[in-house]
C-alpha atoms as a PDB file:
ATOM      1  CA  ARG A   1       0.621  -3.280  -1.939  1.00  0.00           C
ATOM      2  CA  ARG A   2       1.558  -5.980  -5.101  1.00  0.00           C
ATOM      3  CA  PRO A   3      -2.236  -7.590  -5.169  1.00  0.00           C
ATOM      4  CA  ALA A   4      -1.257 -10.390  -7.763  1.00  0.00           C
ATOM      5  CA  GLN A   5       1.843 -11.964  -6.246  1.00  0.00           C
ATOM      6  CA  GLU A   6       1.767 -15.413  -5.209  1.00  0.00           C
ATOM      7  CA  GLN A   7       1.162 -15.742  -1.463  1.00  0.00           C
ATOM      8  CA  ARG A   8       3.162 -18.418   0.564  1.00  0.00           C
ATOM      9  CA  ARG A   9       2.220 -19.111   4.173  1.00  0.00           C
ATOM     10  CA  VAL A  10       5.078 -18.903   6.471  1.00  0.00           C
ATOM     11  CA  ASN A  11       4.806 -19.904  10.639  1.00  0.00           C
ATOM     12  CA  VAL A  12       6.611 -17.562  12.524  1.00  0.00           C
ATOM     13  CA  ASP A  13       7.002 -18.007  16.608  1.00  0.00           C
ATOM     14  CA  PHE A  14       6.875 -14.867  18.299  1.00  0.00           C
ATOM     15  CA  PRO A  15       7.284 -13.913  22.204  1.00  0.00           C
ATOM     16  CA  LEU A  16       4.303 -13.892  24.561  1.00  0.00           C
ATOM     17  CA  TRP A  17       4.752  -9.804  25.155  1.00  0.00           C
ATOM     18  CA  MET A  18       4.630  -9.247  21.256  1.00  0.00           C
ATOM     19  CA  ILE A  19       1.866 -10.722  20.620  1.00  0.00           C
ATOM     20  CA  GLN A  20      -0.257  -9.448  23.341  1.00  0.00           C
ATOM     21  CA  SER A  21       0.847  -5.630  22.198  1.00  0.00           C
ATOM     22  CA  LEU A  22       0.068  -6.905  18.700  1.00  0.00           C
ATOM     23  CA  ASP A  23      -3.567  -8.206  19.781  1.00  0.00           C
ATOM     24  CA  ARG A  24      -3.663  -5.152  21.676  1.00  0.00           C
ATOM     25  CA  GLU A  25      -3.244  -2.641  18.471  1.00  0.00           C
ATOM     26  CA  ALA A  26      -5.300  -5.155  15.934  1.00  0.00           C
ATOM     27  CA  ARG A  27      -8.033  -4.615  18.480  1.00  0.00           C
ATOM     28  CA  ARG A  28      -7.950  -0.799  19.003  1.00  0.00           C
ATOM     29  CA  LEU A  29      -7.761  -0.392  15.474  1.00  0.00           C
ATOM     30  CA  GLY A  30     -10.361  -3.469  14.415  1.00  0.00           C
ATOM     31  CA  VAL A  31      -8.003  -5.432  12.060  1.00  0.00           C
ATOM     32  CA  THR A  32      -6.726  -8.937  12.663  1.00  0.00           C
ATOM     33  CA  ARG A  33      -3.246  -9.571  14.280  1.00  0.00           C
ATOM     34  CA  GLN A  34      -2.396 -10.923  10.847  1.00  0.00           C
ATOM     35  CA  SER A  35      -3.251  -7.307   9.361  1.00  0.00           C
ATOM     36  CA  ILE A  36      -0.779  -5.568  11.290  1.00  0.00           C
ATOM     37  CA  ILE A  37       2.324  -7.667  11.045  1.00  0.00           C
ATOM     38  CA  LYS A  38       1.740  -7.876   7.048  1.00  0.00           C
ATOM     39  CA  VAL A  39       1.171  -3.782   7.085  1.00  0.00           C
ATOM     40  CA  TRP A  40       3.752  -3.381   9.614  1.00  0.00           C
ATOM     41  CA  ILE A  41       5.950  -5.670   7.410  1.00  0.00           C
ATOM     42  CA  ALA A  42       5.671  -3.680   3.942  1.00  0.00           C
ATOM     43  CA  GLU A  43       6.293  -0.829   5.649  1.00  0.00           C
ATOM     44  CA  ARG A  44       9.301  -1.485   7.144  1.00  0.00           C
ATOM     45  CA  LEU A  45      10.347  -3.098   3.370  1.00  0.00           C
ATOM     46  CA  GLU A  46       9.321  -0.510   1.397  1.00  0.00           C
ATOM     47  CA  ARG A  47      11.121   2.142   2.990  1.00  0.00           C
ATOM     48  CA  LYS A  48      14.397  -0.054   3.152  1.00  0.00           C
ATOM     49  CA  VAL A  49      13.852   0.052  -0.992  1.00  0.00           C
ATOM     50  CA  SER A  50      13.382   3.833  -0.873  1.00  0.00           C
END
């Protein structure tokens, strides 16, 4: 995580099945959909850099 980084809002369109899956996983973990998306993207990007 890079807390000092500037943030920018983006809009992304997802298919309904993907939103439903994200929402189920977010509920299971007790977090928001946005949190799931941010963590998963960050993990993927860090793996790519490593």
